[in-house]
Protein backbone atom coordinates (compact mmCIF):
# COMPACT_ATOMS: atom_id res chain seq x y z
CA MET A 1 -128.93 -76.42 84.49
CA LEU A 2 -132.10 -74.68 82.58
CA GLU A 3 -133.93 -77.96 82.61
CA GLU A 4 -132.77 -78.91 86.32
CA ALA A 5 -134.25 -75.39 87.12
CA GLU A 6 -137.66 -76.51 85.82
CA ASN A 7 -138.58 -72.31 84.89
CA SER A 8 -137.52 -71.15 88.42
CA ALA A 9 -134.95 -67.97 88.24
CA THR A 10 -134.21 -68.22 91.79
CA ARG A 11 -133.33 -72.24 91.06
CA LEU A 12 -131.65 -71.21 88.42
CA VAL A 13 -129.54 -68.65 89.63
CA SER A 14 -128.50 -71.66 92.84
CA LEU A 15 -127.06 -73.86 90.14
CA ILE A 16 -125.32 -71.14 88.43
CA VAL A 17 -123.27 -69.98 91.44
CA SER A 18 -123.15 -73.92 92.65
CA ASN A 19 -121.64 -74.89 89.44
CA ILE A 20 -119.41 -71.92 88.46
CA PRO A 21 -116.85 -70.67 90.99
CA SER A 22 -116.43 -67.29 89.51
CA PHE A 23 -120.50 -66.48 89.71
CA ASN A 24 -121.05 -67.08 93.63
CA ASP A 25 -120.53 -63.80 94.56
CA VAL A 26 -120.97 -63.73 98.23
CA SER A 27 -119.48 -61.19 101.02
CA ALA A 28 -118.09 -62.22 104.27
CA PRO A 29 -120.17 -61.21 107.17
CA LEU A 30 -119.56 -57.72 108.18
CA SER A 31 -119.88 -58.69 112.03
CA ARG A 32 -120.13 -61.21 114.28
CA SER A 33 -123.84 -61.24 114.44
CA SER A 34 -124.28 -60.60 110.72
CA LYS A 35 -124.89 -63.33 107.72
CA PRO A 36 -122.87 -63.36 104.15
CA LEU A 37 -124.42 -61.37 101.90
CA LYS A 38 -125.24 -63.02 98.51
CA PHE A 39 -125.06 -60.65 95.60
CA TYR A 40 -125.03 -62.96 93.07
CA LYS A 41 -124.76 -60.23 90.29
CA ARG A 42 -123.29 -62.12 87.40
CA ALA A 43 -125.82 -65.45 87.89
CA GLN A 44 -128.66 -63.04 87.94
CA ILE A 45 -127.51 -60.84 85.17
CA LEU A 46 -127.17 -64.14 83.05
CA VAL A 47 -130.90 -65.45 84.27
CA ALA A 48 -132.15 -61.71 83.30
CA ASP A 49 -130.44 -61.67 80.01
CA LEU A 50 -132.25 -65.21 79.04
CA TRP A 51 -135.45 -63.95 80.46
CA ALA A 52 -135.23 -60.29 78.20
CA CYS A 53 -133.96 -62.13 75.16
CA PHE A 54 -136.84 -64.75 74.95
CA CYS A 55 -139.28 -62.22 75.88
CA ASN A 56 -140.34 -64.67 78.77
CA THR A 57 -140.57 -67.65 76.43
CA SER A 58 -138.63 -70.98 76.01
CA TYR A 59 -135.34 -70.89 77.25
CA GLY A 60 -136.11 -67.33 79.07
CA HIS A 61 -139.36 -68.46 80.34
CA PHE A 62 -139.25 -68.01 84.38
CA THR A 63 -141.82 -68.34 86.71
CA ASP A 64 -140.38 -66.25 89.57
CA ILE A 65 -138.40 -63.53 87.59
CA ASP A 66 -139.91 -61.14 90.19
CA LYS A 67 -137.47 -62.94 92.87
CA LEU A 68 -134.37 -61.37 91.76
CA SER A 69 -132.88 -58.39 92.98
CA MET A 70 -130.98 -55.56 90.96
CA PHE A 71 -127.62 -56.29 90.08
CA SER A 72 -125.26 -54.84 92.34
CA ASP A 73 -122.73 -52.93 90.55
CA TYR A 74 -120.91 -49.72 89.92
CA ARG A 75 -123.10 -47.53 87.67
CA VAL A 76 -126.48 -48.35 89.15
CA PRO A 77 -125.44 -46.85 92.67
CA GLN A 78 -123.97 -43.76 90.85
CA ILE A 79 -126.97 -42.76 89.32
CA LEU A 80 -129.36 -43.86 92.22
CA HIS A 81 -126.59 -41.16 94.18
CA SER A 82 -127.15 -38.56 91.48
CA LEU A 83 -131.37 -38.85 91.32
CA GLY A 84 -130.92 -38.33 95.19
CA CYS A 85 -132.15 -42.11 95.65
CA LEU A 86 -128.94 -42.85 97.98
CA ARG A 87 -126.74 -40.62 99.90
CA TYR A 88 -123.33 -41.35 100.25
CA SER A 89 -121.04 -39.86 103.37
CA PRO A 90 -118.89 -36.81 102.89
CA SER A 91 -115.70 -39.32 103.45
CA LEU A 92 -117.14 -41.75 100.69
CA ILE A 93 -117.68 -38.88 98.33
CA SER A 94 -113.81 -37.58 98.63
CA LEU A 95 -112.88 -41.33 97.99
CA LEU A 96 -114.88 -41.48 94.85
CA ARG A 97 -113.70 -38.26 93.73
CA ASN A 98 -110.08 -39.04 94.25
CA GLY A 99 -110.33 -42.31 92.40
CA THR A 100 -109.43 -44.49 95.38
CA PRO A 101 -110.54 -48.13 94.86
CA LEU A 102 -112.49 -49.69 97.33
CA LYS A 103 -111.07 -53.23 98.18
CA SER A 104 -113.64 -56.32 97.10
CA GLY A 105 -115.36 -57.56 100.24
CA ASP A 106 -114.52 -54.23 102.13
CA ARG A 107 -117.29 -52.50 104.13
CA LEU A 108 -118.00 -49.77 101.98
CA GLU A 109 -118.11 -51.64 99.07
CA ILE A 110 -120.47 -54.27 100.53
CA GLU A 111 -122.79 -51.22 101.69
CA ILE A 112 -122.69 -49.70 98.39
CA ARG A 113 -124.09 -53.12 96.95
CA GLY A 114 -126.46 -53.37 99.56
CA CYS A 115 -128.01 -50.46 99.88
CA SER A 116 -128.49 -50.25 96.04
CA ILE A 117 -130.58 -53.19 96.23
CA TRP A 118 -132.46 -52.08 98.92
CA CYS A 119 -133.04 -48.85 97.08
CA VAL A 120 -134.33 -50.46 94.18
CA GLU A 121 -136.73 -52.50 96.11
CA LEU A 122 -138.09 -49.48 97.58
CA LEU A 123 -138.37 -47.81 94.17
CA ARG A 124 -140.00 -50.73 92.72
CA ARG A 125 -142.48 -50.81 95.71
CA GLU A 126 -143.16 -46.94 95.39
CA LEU A 127 -143.93 -47.44 91.89
CA LYS A 128 -146.68 -50.20 92.72
CA ARG A 129 -148.42 -48.03 95.27
CA ASN A 130 -148.28 -44.87 93.50
CA TRP A 131 -148.85 -45.41 89.99
CA GLY A 132 -150.04 -48.84 89.79
CA ARG A 133 -147.15 -50.44 88.35
CA ASP A 134 -145.69 -53.22 89.06
CA LEU A 135 -142.26 -53.70 87.73
CA ASN A 136 -139.31 -56.19 88.65
CA ALA A 137 -136.54 -55.39 89.93
CA ILE A 138 -134.82 -55.93 86.41
CA LEU A 139 -136.66 -53.52 84.34
CA ILE A 140 -135.97 -50.93 87.09
CA ASP A 141 -132.04 -51.76 86.60
CA PHE A 142 -132.34 -52.00 82.73
CA TRP A 143 -133.88 -48.78 82.92
CA LEU A 144 -131.37 -46.98 85.49
CA TRP A 145 -128.16 -48.31 83.64
CA ASP A 146 -129.47 -46.87 80.23
CA GLU A 147 -130.21 -43.72 82.34
CA ALA A 148 -126.90 -43.60 83.92
CA GLN A 149 -125.08 -43.98 80.43
CA LYS A 150 -127.37 -41.16 78.87
CA LEU A 151 -126.55 -39.15 81.87
CA LYS A 152 -122.48 -40.24 81.45
CA LYS A 153 -122.78 -38.55 77.82
CA MET A 154 -124.00 -35.17 79.19
CA GLY A 155 -121.94 -35.17 82.05
CA GLY A 156 -125.06 -35.13 84.37
CA LEU A 157 -123.80 -37.45 86.90
CA THR A 158 -122.70 -35.76 90.42
CA ILE A 159 -120.09 -38.24 91.54
CA PRO A 160 -117.85 -40.97 89.90
CA PHE A 161 -118.69 -44.60 90.08
CA HIS A 162 -117.07 -46.80 92.65
CA ARG A 163 -113.87 -48.66 91.36
CA THR A 164 -113.51 -52.23 92.82
CA ARG A 165 -111.41 -55.02 91.42
CA GLY A 166 -112.95 -58.28 91.31
CA VAL A 167 -114.41 -61.33 89.43
CA PHE A 168 -117.78 -60.30 90.23
CA TYR A 169 -118.11 -56.95 88.04
């Protein structure tokens, strides 16, 4: 797959999700007029890990790594909310605090994941515009994940993460 991808991160993600069904992280459309949402969390993490481990050389050299999004999971939305970047409705906060699982593919779960991707993209744009830092979503995701782990140890996260059972987490 690496050879077939020809140093394209997006092509490698497409090959992975086409050949490994448990990596084909796609939600059903949320309405009749919408399209399925392609999260591809695990496939993107695989490509990002190759990129990071090989320092963008050898098996990890990708010419379009900046085309990948953040990895739509459970911990990053939690810290985005704790940092005030995402706002959850009072009813969602109540569900999270009660430990109520969100069904995989449920509208709330899809919205959390989708809004997290958009939030990180907006952060990326702000970093570039205001500070001249052109970071990709992968580096921002890595940083947010690490910060969430630190805050977790210090008890600084304001809400629990959303709980969803499924193969895509």
